[in-house]
Amino acid sequence: MGNRVVPAALIALLVILHGQLWFGRGSVPNVSRLQGQLAEQKRKNVQAAQANDRLSAEIHDLRDGLEIVEEKARSELGMVRANEIYVQIAK
């Protein structure tokens, strides 16, 4: 009987470990699902970073590109600065 206890205990331990491999918290299907979620989140992060870069560039243009805004306002809307006189020559 003593000869059968050790192999039976080892087999039981092997079955428990094998069960953990397929059904436990760190199981193969669970790890596969988490890897899929990680890939999806990384894709969303890349999209968000691109959107942030676009918005940052737009903010930079709006802050530093006042000359362009002023030029458009003068040519398209006929706006003038304070203490300026607007003269339009008709052809």
Protein backbone atom coordinates (compact mmCIF):
# COMPACT_ATOMS: atom_id res chain seq x y z
CA MET A 1 0.00 0.00 0.00
CA GLY A 2 2.89 2.38 0.73
CA ASN A 3 4.14 1.89 -2.80
CA ARG A 4 0.89 3.24 -4.27
CA VAL A 5 0.50 6.40 -2.15
CA VAL A 6 3.35 8.35 -3.73
CA PRO A 7 2.32 7.74 -7.36
CA ALA A 8 -1.33 8.44 -6.49
CA ALA A 9 -0.35 11.72 -4.80
CA LEU A 10 1.78 12.70 -7.80
CA ILE A 11 -1.04 11.89 -10.21
CA ALA A 12 -3.51 13.87 -8.08
CA LEU A 13 -1.09 16.81 -8.04
CA LEU A 14 -0.67 16.54 -11.80
CA VAL A 15 -4.45 16.57 -12.30
CA ILE A 16 -4.81 19.63 -10.06
CA LEU A 17 -2.07 21.50 -11.88
CA HIS A 18 -3.49 20.50 -15.25
CA GLY A 19 -6.93 21.74 -14.12
CA GLN A 20 -5.41 25.08 -13.13
CA LEU A 21 -3.76 25.31 -16.53
CA TRP A 22 -7.09 24.99 -18.36
CA PHE A 23 -9.68 26.35 -15.94
CA GLY A 24 -7.91 28.49 -13.34
CA ARG A 25 -7.18 32.21 -13.14
CA GLY A 26 -4.05 31.98 -15.28
CA SER A 27 -5.55 29.49 -17.70
CA VAL A 28 -4.70 29.39 -21.38
CA PRO A 29 -8.14 30.63 -22.54
CA ASN A 30 -8.14 33.42 -19.95
CA VAL A 31 -4.65 34.57 -20.95
CA SER A 32 -5.66 34.48 -24.61
CA ARG A 33 -8.74 36.61 -23.89
CA LEU A 34 -6.66 39.11 -21.90
CA GLN A 35 -4.11 39.34 -24.72
CA GLY A 36 -6.94 40.18 -27.12
CA GLN A 37 -8.21 42.88 -24.77
CA LEU A 38 -4.68 44.26 -24.46
CA ALA A 39 -4.26 44.44 -28.23
CA GLU A 40 -7.62 46.24 -28.58
CA GLN A 41 -6.67 48.73 -25.85
CA LYS A 42 -3.32 49.40 -27.50
CA ARG A 43 -5.12 50.09 -30.79
CA LYS A 44 -7.47 52.52 -29.02
CA ASN A 45 -4.49 54.20 -27.34
CA VAL A 46 -2.79 54.72 -30.71
CA GLN A 47 -5.97 56.29 -32.11
CA ALA A 48 -6.32 58.54 -29.07
CA ALA A 49 -2.67 59.60 -29.35
CA GLN A 50 -3.19 60.50 -33.01
CA ALA A 51 -6.28 62.53 -32.13
CA ASN A 52 -4.32 64.27 -29.36
CA ASP A 53 -1.52 65.09 -31.79
CA ARG A 54 -3.99 66.56 -34.29
CA LEU A 55 -5.63 68.68 -31.59
CA SER A 56 -2.26 69.80 -30.28
CA ALA A 57 -1.19 70.87 -33.77
CA GLU A 58 -4.47 72.73 -34.23
CA ILE A 59 -4.04 74.53 -30.91
CA HIS A 60 -0.48 75.43 -31.83
CA ASP A 61 -1.66 76.83 -35.17
CA LEU A 62 -4.40 78.86 -33.50
CA ARG A 63 -2.04 80.27 -30.88
CA ASP A 64 0.87 81.06 -33.16
CA GLY A 65 -0.97 81.58 -36.42
CA LEU A 66 -2.62 84.89 -35.58
CA GLU A 67 -1.07 86.44 -38.66
CA ILE A 68 -3.09 84.10 -40.87
CA VAL A 69 -6.30 84.90 -39.00
CA GLU A 70 -5.59 88.62 -39.24
CA GLU A 71 -4.83 88.38 -42.95
CA LYS A 72 -8.09 86.52 -43.63
CA ALA A 73 -10.07 88.98 -41.53
CA ARG A 74 -8.57 91.93 -43.43
CA SER A 75 -9.01 90.48 -46.91
CA GLU A 76 -12.35 88.70 -46.55
CA LEU A 77 -14.13 90.81 -43.95
CA GLY A 78 -12.50 94.20 -44.43
CA MET A 79 -11.51 94.45 -40.77
CA VAL A 80 -9.03 97.07 -39.57
CA ARG A 81 -7.02 97.58 -36.42
CA ALA A 82 -7.64 100.39 -33.99
CA ASN A 83 -6.32 103.75 -35.27
CA GLU A 84 -6.13 102.46 -38.86
CA ILE A 85 -7.91 103.88 -41.83
CA TYR A 86 -9.25 101.45 -44.42
CA VAL A 87 -8.98 102.63 -47.97
CA GLN A 88 -10.49 100.62 -50.81
CA ILE A 89 -9.67 101.45 -54.39
CA ALA A 90 -12.33 100.53 -56.91
CA LYS A 91 -11.19 99.55 -60.39
